[in-house]
Amino acid sequence: MAKAYYSTVLDHAAGKVWSVIRPFDHYAWAGVVSETTIEDGRKGDQVGSVRRVIVGDKTLRQILLAHSDIDRSYSYAFASEPPFPVRNYAATIRITPVVDSGKAFVEWWATFDCATPDYERMIDQFENKGFAVWLAALRKFMAPS
């Protein structure tokens, strides 16, 4: 099993950052131009909800595995065939307050098995072409206009 991990510090309170990413059906903060909906009339903070993300001609389906306002985190997995050669993918994003500065420590990680022996390429894909890009988009999304 492999693990991809990325973290950053944002110049906002943890609660404010959590309020932006909290709804599982709100994905605009990640800079992904897409149509995002929760299937079957469920709520965006309800464990078991499936998020459908349509990006161009591709559709991703992800299921919410855990959601915690106390821990300011949620975990999810693919509910359909992943767009990458991985199996058993599970990811978590968590926001933690940095007490001495009032900022937010944001971390995002995923564990997975590779369908091919190229673990390093997939770790890089998630860390640097996924989590790093999406958290940079979050920083921009939250910047004063």
N, C-alpha and C. Protein backbone atom coordinates (compact mmCIF):
# COMPACT_ATOMS: atom_id res chain seq x y z
N MET A 1 0.85 -1.18 0.00
CA MET A 1 0.00 0.00 0.00
C MET A 1 0.89 1.23 0.00
N ALA A 2 0.50 2.22 -0.77
CA ALA A 2 1.24 3.48 -0.86
C ALA A 2 0.46 4.59 -0.16
N LYS A 3 1.19 5.65 0.18
CA LYS A 3 0.55 6.82 0.78
C LYS A 3 1.10 8.07 0.11
N ALA A 4 0.18 8.91 -0.35
CA ALA A 4 0.52 10.23 -0.89
C ALA A 4 0.07 11.24 0.15
N TYR A 5 0.89 12.26 0.40
CA TYR A 5 0.60 13.24 1.46
C TYR A 5 1.06 14.62 1.03
N TYR A 6 0.24 15.62 1.34
CA TYR A 6 0.62 17.01 1.10
C TYR A 6 0.00 17.87 2.19
N SER A 7 0.72 18.91 2.62
CA SER A 7 0.18 19.82 3.63
C SER A 7 0.62 21.24 3.33
N THR A 8 -0.11 22.19 3.89
CA THR A 8 0.20 23.60 3.75
C THR A 8 -0.42 24.35 4.92
N VAL A 9 -0.03 25.61 5.07
CA VAL A 9 -0.62 26.49 6.08
C VAL A 9 -1.29 27.63 5.34
N LEU A 10 -2.54 27.91 5.70
CA LEU A 10 -3.29 29.01 5.10
C LEU A 10 -3.45 30.14 6.10
N ASP A 11 -3.49 31.36 5.61
CA ASP A 11 -3.60 32.55 6.46
C ASP A 11 -5.04 32.84 6.85
N HIS A 12 -5.74 31.82 7.29
CA HIS A 12 -7.13 31.95 7.73
C HIS A 12 -7.33 31.05 8.94
N ALA A 13 -8.31 31.36 9.74
CA ALA A 13 -8.63 30.51 10.88
C ALA A 13 -9.12 29.15 10.37
N ALA A 14 -8.85 28.12 11.14
CA ALA A 14 -9.25 26.75 10.75
C ALA A 14 -10.75 26.66 10.51
N GLY A 15 -11.53 27.29 11.35
CA GLY A 15 -12.99 27.26 11.18
C GLY A 15 -13.45 27.86 9.88
N LYS A 16 -12.79 28.92 9.45
CA LYS A 16 -13.15 29.56 8.19
C LYS A 16 -12.80 28.65 7.01
N VAL A 17 -11.63 28.03 7.06
CA VAL A 17 -11.24 27.11 5.99
C VAL A 17 -12.21 25.92 5.96
N TRP A 18 -12.53 25.39 7.12
CA TRP A 18 -13.46 24.25 7.19
C TRP A 18 -14.82 24.63 6.61
N SER A 19 -15.28 25.83 6.85
CA SER A 19 -16.59 26.23 6.32
C SER A 19 -16.60 26.22 4.80
N VAL A 20 -15.45 26.43 4.17
CA VAL A 20 -15.36 26.40 2.71
C VAL A 20 -15.36 24.97 2.19
N ILE A 21 -14.55 24.09 2.79
CA ILE A 21 -14.42 22.74 2.22
C ILE A 21 -15.41 21.74 2.81
N ARG A 22 -16.10 22.11 3.88
CA ARG A 22 -16.98 21.19 4.60
C ARG A 22 -18.00 20.48 3.72
N PRO A 23 -18.74 21.19 2.87
CA PRO A 23 -19.75 20.50 2.07
C PRO A 23 -19.10 19.63 0.99
N PHE A 24 -19.39 18.37 1.01
CA PHE A 24 -18.80 17.41 0.07
C PHE A 24 -19.23 17.70 -1.37
N ASP A 25 -20.35 18.43 -1.53
CA ASP A 25 -20.82 18.73 -2.87
C ASP A 25 -20.30 20.07 -3.39
N HIS A 26 -19.48 20.76 -2.62
CA HIS A 26 -18.89 22.03 -3.06
C HIS A 26 -17.43 21.77 -3.38
N TYR A 27 -17.08 21.87 -4.66
CA TYR A 27 -15.73 21.55 -5.07
C TYR A 27 -15.08 22.68 -5.86
N ALA A 28 -15.78 23.80 -5.99
CA ALA A 28 -15.25 24.93 -6.75
C ALA A 28 -13.96 25.47 -6.12
N TRP A 29 -13.83 25.34 -4.81
CA TRP A 29 -12.63 25.84 -4.12
C TRP A 29 -11.36 25.16 -4.61
N ALA A 30 -11.48 23.97 -5.17
CA ALA A 30 -10.30 23.22 -5.62
C ALA A 30 -9.86 23.65 -7.02
N GLY A 31 -10.56 24.60 -7.62
CA GLY A 31 -10.17 25.08 -8.94
C GLY A 31 -10.50 24.11 -10.06
N VAL A 32 -11.33 23.12 -9.76
CA VAL A 32 -11.70 22.13 -10.76
C VAL A 32 -12.99 22.62 -11.42
N VAL A 33 -12.91 22.95 -12.71
CA VAL A 33 -14.09 23.38 -13.45
C VAL A 33 -14.93 22.14 -13.69
N SER A 34 -16.03 22.07 -12.97
CA SER A 34 -16.83 20.85 -13.02
C SER A 34 -18.26 21.13 -12.60
N GLU A 35 -19.08 20.13 -12.81
CA GLU A 35 -20.43 20.11 -12.26
C GLU A 35 -20.40 19.07 -11.15
N THR A 36 -20.71 19.47 -9.92
CA THR A 36 -20.63 18.57 -8.78
C THR A 36 -22.00 18.47 -8.12
N THR A 37 -22.49 17.24 -7.96
CA THR A 37 -23.78 17.02 -7.31
C THR A 37 -23.68 15.81 -6.38
N ILE A 38 -24.56 15.81 -5.40
CA ILE A 38 -24.71 14.64 -4.52
C ILE A 38 -25.88 13.83 -5.05
N GLU A 39 -25.67 12.56 -5.23
CA GLU A 39 -26.70 11.69 -5.80
C GLU A 39 -27.79 11.35 -4.78
N ASP A 40 -28.93 10.98 -5.30
CA ASP A 40 -30.05 10.42 -4.53
C ASP A 40 -30.60 11.37 -3.47
N GLY A 41 -30.45 12.68 -3.65
CA GLY A 41 -31.05 13.65 -2.72
C GLY A 41 -30.44 13.65 -1.33
N ARG A 42 -29.29 13.06 -1.18
CA ARG A 42 -28.63 13.04 0.14
C ARG A 42 -27.97 14.38 0.39
N LYS A 43 -27.42 14.56 1.58
CA LYS A 43 -26.77 15.81 1.95
C LYS A 43 -25.25 15.69 1.80
N GLY A 44 -24.58 16.84 1.65
CA GLY A 44 -23.15 16.89 1.43
C GLY A 44 -22.32 16.62 2.67
N ASP A 45 -22.95 16.38 3.81
CA ASP A 45 -22.19 16.02 5.01
C ASP A 45 -22.67 14.68 5.58
N GLN A 46 -23.41 13.95 4.78
CA GLN A 46 -24.00 12.69 5.22
C GLN A 46 -23.13 11.52 4.76
N VAL A 47 -22.58 10.78 5.72
CA VAL A 47 -21.75 9.63 5.40
C VAL A 47 -22.54 8.69 4.49
N GLY A 48 -21.88 8.23 3.45
CA GLY A 48 -22.53 7.37 2.46
C GLY A 48 -22.99 8.14 1.23
N SER A 49 -22.97 9.46 1.30
CA SER A 49 -23.35 10.26 0.13
C SER A 49 -22.34 10.05 -0.98
N VAL A 50 -22.83 10.05 -2.21
CA VAL A 50 -21.97 9.88 -3.36
C VAL A 50 -21.93 11.22 -4.11
N ARG A 51 -20.71 11.72 -4.30
CA ARG A 51 -20.46 12.95 -5.04
C ARG A 51 -20.14 12.58 -6.48
N ARG A 52 -20.92 13.14 -7.41
CA ARG A 52 -20.64 12.95 -8.83
C ARG A 52 -20.00 14.23 -9.35
N VAL A 53 -18.80 14.10 -9.89
CA VAL A 53 -18.06 15.24 -10.42
C VAL A 53 -17.88 15.01 -11.92
N ILE A 54 -18.46 15.91 -12.71
CA ILE A 54 -18.33 15.81 -14.16
C ILE A 54 -17.33 16.88 -14.60
N VAL A 55 -16.21 16.40 -15.14
CA VAL A 55 -15.14 17.27 -15.63
C VAL A 55 -14.97 16.96 -17.11
N GLY A 56 -15.42 17.89 -17.94
CA GLY A 56 -15.36 17.63 -19.38
C GLY A 56 -16.21 16.43 -19.74
N ASP A 57 -15.60 15.44 -20.36
CA ASP A 57 -16.33 14.23 -20.73
C ASP A 57 -16.13 13.08 -19.73
N LYS A 58 -15.51 13.39 -18.59
CA LYS A 58 -15.26 12.36 -17.57
C LYS A 58 -16.17 12.56 -16.37
N THR A 59 -16.62 11.46 -15.81
CA THR A 59 -17.43 11.49 -14.60
C THR A 59 -16.74 10.68 -13.52
N LEU A 60 -16.52 11.33 -12.37
CA LEU A 60 -15.96 10.65 -11.19
C LEU A 60 -17.08 10.51 -10.17
N ARG A 61 -17.09 9.40 -9.47
CA ARG A 61 -18.03 9.21 -8.37
C ARG A 61 -17.22 8.86 -7.14
N GLN A 62 -17.46 9.62 -6.07
CA GLN A 62 -16.73 9.41 -4.82
C GLN A 62 -17.74 9.30 -3.68
N ILE A 63 -17.47 8.38 -2.76
CA ILE A 63 -18.37 8.17 -1.64
C ILE A 63 -17.75 8.73 -0.36
N LEU A 64 -18.57 9.42 0.42
CA LEU A 64 -18.13 10.01 1.68
C LEU A 64 -18.08 8.91 2.75
N LEU A 65 -16.89 8.63 3.25
CA LEU A 65 -16.69 7.56 4.24
C LEU A 65 -16.81 8.05 5.67
N ALA A 66 -16.39 9.30 5.92
CA ALA A 66 -16.44 9.88 7.27
C ALA A 66 -16.50 11.39 7.12
N HIS A 67 -17.16 12.03 8.08
CA HIS A 67 -17.28 13.50 8.07
C HIS A 67 -17.36 13.95 9.51
N SER A 68 -16.43 14.82 9.92
CA SER A 68 -16.38 15.25 11.32
C SER A 68 -16.18 16.75 11.44
N ASP A 69 -17.18 17.43 12.01
CA ASP A 69 -17.03 18.85 12.31
C ASP A 69 -16.05 19.06 13.46
N ILE A 70 -15.99 18.13 14.37
CA ILE A 70 -15.07 18.25 15.51
C ILE A 70 -13.62 18.19 15.03
N ASP A 71 -13.32 17.22 14.17
CA ASP A 71 -11.95 17.07 13.65
C ASP A 71 -11.71 17.90 12.39
N ARG A 72 -12.74 18.56 11.90
CA ARG A 72 -12.67 19.34 10.66
C ARG A 72 -12.04 18.49 9.55
N SER A 73 -12.66 17.36 9.29
CA SER A 73 -12.10 16.46 8.28
C SER A 73 -13.21 15.64 7.62
N TYR A 74 -12.88 15.16 6.44
CA TYR A 74 -13.71 14.12 5.84
C TYR A 74 -12.82 13.18 5.03
N SER A 75 -13.33 11.97 4.87
CA SER A 75 -12.64 10.92 4.11
C SER A 75 -13.59 10.42 3.03
N TYR A 76 -12.99 10.02 1.94
CA TYR A 76 -13.79 9.54 0.81
C TYR A 76 -13.00 8.50 0.02
N ALA A 77 -13.73 7.77 -0.82
CA ALA A 77 -13.14 6.76 -1.70
C ALA A 77 -13.85 6.86 -3.04
N PHE A 78 -13.31 6.19 -4.03
CA PHE A 78 -13.99 6.14 -5.32
C PHE A 78 -15.17 5.18 -5.21
N ALA A 79 -16.31 5.63 -5.75
CA ALA A 79 -17.51 4.79 -5.77
C ALA A 79 -17.69 4.14 -7.14
N SER A 80 -16.81 4.48 -8.06
CA SER A 80 -16.81 3.89 -9.39
C SER A 80 -15.35 3.69 -9.79
N GLU A 81 -15.13 3.25 -10.99
CA GLU A 81 -13.77 2.99 -11.46
C GLU A 81 -12.93 4.26 -11.35
N PRO A 82 -11.79 4.20 -10.63
CA PRO A 82 -10.93 5.38 -10.51
C PRO A 82 -10.34 5.77 -11.87
N PRO A 83 -10.05 7.05 -12.06
CA PRO A 83 -9.46 7.50 -13.32
C PRO A 83 -7.95 7.23 -13.38
N PHE A 84 -7.43 6.58 -12.37
CA PHE A 84 -6.01 6.24 -12.27
C PHE A 84 -5.88 4.74 -12.06
N PRO A 85 -4.71 4.16 -12.37
CA PRO A 85 -4.54 2.72 -12.16
C PRO A 85 -4.27 2.38 -10.68
N VAL A 86 -5.28 2.61 -9.85
CA VAL A 86 -5.17 2.32 -8.41
C VAL A 86 -6.37 1.52 -7.94
N ARG A 87 -6.20 0.87 -6.81
CA ARG A 87 -7.27 0.13 -6.14
C ARG A 87 -7.25 0.54 -4.67
N ASN A 88 -8.36 0.33 -4.00
CA ASN A 88 -8.46 0.57 -2.55
C ASN A 88 -8.05 1.99 -2.16
N TYR A 89 -8.40 2.95 -2.99
CA TYR A 89 -8.07 4.36 -2.75
C TYR A 89 -8.98 4.91 -1.66
N ALA A 90 -8.39 5.54 -0.66
CA ALA A 90 -9.13 6.26 0.38
C ALA A 90 -8.35 7.51 0.71
N ALA A 91 -9.03 8.66 0.73
CA ALA A 91 -8.37 9.94 0.98
C ALA A 91 -9.03 10.66 2.14
N THR A 92 -8.25 11.50 2.80
CA THR A 92 -8.74 12.33 3.90
C THR A 92 -8.17 13.73 3.75
N ILE A 93 -9.01 14.72 3.98
CA ILE A 93 -8.56 16.10 4.07
C ILE A 93 -8.94 16.58 5.47
N ARG A 94 -7.98 17.26 6.13
CA ARG A 94 -8.20 17.69 7.52
C ARG A 94 -7.64 19.09 7.72
N ILE A 95 -8.36 19.89 8.49
CA ILE A 95 -7.96 21.25 8.82
C ILE A 95 -7.73 21.31 10.32
N THR A 96 -6.54 21.76 10.73
CA THR A 96 -6.18 21.85 12.15
C THR A 96 -5.75 23.29 12.45
N PRO A 97 -6.19 23.85 13.57
CA PRO A 97 -5.75 25.21 13.90
C PRO A 97 -4.28 25.24 14.30
N VAL A 98 -3.57 26.26 13.84
CA VAL A 98 -2.22 26.54 14.32
C VAL A 98 -2.42 27.56 15.44
N VAL A 99 -2.30 27.14 16.66
CA VAL A 99 -2.72 27.93 17.82
C VAL A 99 -1.94 29.24 17.95
N ASP A 100 -0.64 29.21 17.78
CA ASP A 100 0.14 30.43 18.04
C ASP A 100 -0.02 31.51 16.96
N SER A 101 -0.53 31.16 15.79
CA SER A 101 -0.66 32.15 14.73
C SER A 101 -2.09 32.40 14.29
N GLY A 102 -3.02 31.53 14.69
CA GLY A 102 -4.41 31.68 14.26
C GLY A 102 -4.63 31.22 12.82
N LYS A 103 -3.63 30.58 12.23
CA LYS A 103 -3.74 30.10 10.86
C LYS A 103 -4.28 28.67 10.85
N ALA A 104 -4.40 28.13 9.65
CA ALA A 104 -4.93 26.77 9.49
C ALA A 104 -3.88 25.88 8.84
N PHE A 105 -3.64 24.73 9.45
CA PHE A 105 -2.79 23.69 8.88
C PHE A 105 -3.72 22.76 8.12
N VAL A 106 -3.49 22.62 6.82
CA VAL A 106 -4.35 21.81 5.97
C VAL A 106 -3.53 20.65 5.45
N GLU A 107 -4.03 19.44 5.66
CA GLU A 107 -3.34 18.26 5.15
C GLU A 107 -4.32 17.38 4.40
N TRP A 108 -3.78 16.74 3.36
CA TRP A 108 -4.59 15.89 2.49
C TRP A 108 -3.74 14.68 2.16
N TRP A 109 -4.28 13.52 2.35
CA TRP A 109 -3.53 12.31 2.05
C TRP A 109 -4.45 11.23 1.49
N ALA A 110 -3.82 10.27 0.83
CA ALA A 110 -4.55 9.13 0.29
C ALA A 110 -3.68 7.89 0.44
N THR A 111 -4.32 6.79 0.70
CA THR A 111 -3.65 5.48 0.66
C THR A 111 -4.29 4.70 -0.48
N PHE A 112 -3.49 3.85 -1.11
CA PHE A 112 -3.98 3.12 -2.27
C PHE A 112 -3.01 2.01 -2.63
N ASP A 113 -3.49 1.07 -3.39
CA ASP A 113 -2.67 0.05 -4.03
C ASP A 113 -2.60 0.39 -5.50
N CYS A 114 -1.47 0.14 -6.12
CA CYS A 114 -1.31 0.40 -7.54
C CYS A 114 -1.66 -0.83 -8.35
N ALA A 115 -2.31 -0.59 -9.47
CA ALA A 115 -2.61 -1.67 -10.40
C ALA A 115 -1.37 -2.02 -11.23
N THR A 116 -0.38 -1.12 -11.22
CA THR A 116 0.89 -1.33 -11.90
C THR A 116 2.00 -1.17 -10.86
N PRO A 117 3.21 -1.57 -11.15
CA PRO A 117 4.29 -1.44 -10.15
C PRO A 117 4.85 -0.02 -10.00
N ASP A 118 4.25 0.95 -10.65
CA ASP A 118 4.78 2.32 -10.66
C ASP A 118 4.23 3.16 -9.50
N TYR A 119 4.53 2.74 -8.28
CA TYR A 119 4.03 3.45 -7.09
C TYR A 119 4.51 4.89 -7.02
N GLU A 120 5.79 5.13 -7.34
CA GLU A 120 6.35 6.48 -7.23
C GLU A 120 5.62 7.46 -8.15
N ARG A 121 5.28 7.02 -9.35
CA ARG A 121 4.57 7.90 -10.28
C ARG A 121 3.19 8.24 -9.75
N MET A 122 2.50 7.28 -9.16
CA MET A 122 1.16 7.55 -8.64
C MET A 122 1.23 8.42 -7.38
N ILE A 123 2.22 8.20 -6.53
CA ILE A 123 2.38 9.07 -5.36
C ILE A 123 2.60 10.50 -5.81
N ASP A 124 3.49 10.69 -6.79
CA ASP A 124 3.73 12.02 -7.33
C ASP A 124 2.46 12.61 -7.94
N GLN A 125 1.71 11.81 -8.65
CA GLN A 125 0.46 12.26 -9.28
C GLN A 125 -0.47 12.85 -8.22
N PHE A 126 -0.69 12.12 -7.15
CA PHE A 126 -1.62 12.60 -6.13
C PHE A 126 -1.05 13.77 -5.34
N GLU A 127 0.21 13.69 -4.94
CA GLU A 127 0.81 14.75 -4.12
C GLU A 127 0.97 16.06 -4.89
N ASN A 128 1.60 16.00 -6.05
CA ASN A 128 2.02 17.22 -6.74
C ASN A 128 1.10 17.68 -7.87
N LYS A 129 0.36 16.77 -8.46
CA LYS A 129 -0.55 17.16 -9.53
C LYS A 129 -2.00 17.14 -9.06
N GLY A 130 -2.19 16.72 -7.84
CA GLY A 130 -3.51 16.69 -7.22
C GLY A 130 -3.56 17.59 -6.02
N PHE A 131 -3.20 17.05 -4.85
CA PHE A 131 -3.37 17.78 -3.59
C PHE A 131 -2.70 19.15 -3.60
N ALA A 132 -1.48 19.26 -4.08
CA ALA A 132 -0.76 20.55 -4.09
C ALA A 132 -1.50 21.57 -4.97
N VAL A 133 -1.97 21.14 -6.11
CA VAL A 133 -2.68 22.03 -7.03
C VAL A 133 -4.01 22.46 -6.42
N TRP A 134 -4.74 21.51 -5.85
CA TRP A 134 -6.06 21.83 -5.30
C TRP A 134 -5.96 22.71 -4.06
N LEU A 135 -4.93 22.50 -3.24
CA LEU A 135 -4.77 23.36 -2.05
C LEU A 135 -4.27 24.74 -2.45
N ALA A 136 -3.50 24.86 -3.51
CA ALA A 136 -3.13 26.18 -4.03
C ALA A 136 -4.38 26.90 -4.53
N ALA A 137 -5.28 26.16 -5.16
CA ALA A 137 -6.54 26.75 -5.61
C ALA A 137 -7.39 27.19 -4.42
N LEU A 138 -7.38 26.42 -3.33
CA LEU A 138 -8.10 26.81 -2.12
C LEU A 138 -7.54 28.12 -1.57
N ARG A 139 -6.21 28.25 -1.55
CA ARG A 139 -5.59 29.49 -1.10
C ARG A 139 -6.09 30.67 -1.93
N LYS A 140 -6.11 30.49 -3.24
CA LYS A 140 -6.57 31.54 -4.15
C LYS A 140 -8.07 31.81 -3.96
N PHE A 141 -8.85 30.77 -3.80
CA PHE A 141 -10.31 30.88 -3.60
C PHE A 141 -10.61 31.73 -2.35
N MET A 142 -9.79 31.57 -1.31
CA MET A 142 -10.03 32.25 -0.05
C MET A 142 -9.34 33.63 0.03
N ALA A 143 -8.55 33.96 -0.96
CA ALA A 143 -7.85 35.25 -0.95
C ALA A 143 -8.86 36.39 -1.05
N PRO A 144 -8.57 37.50 -0.38
CA PRO A 144 -9.49 38.66 -0.50
C PRO A 144 -9.57 39.10 -1.97
N SER A 145 -10.78 39.44 -2.39
CA SER A 145 -10.92 39.82 -3.80
C SER A 145 -10.54 41.26 -4.05
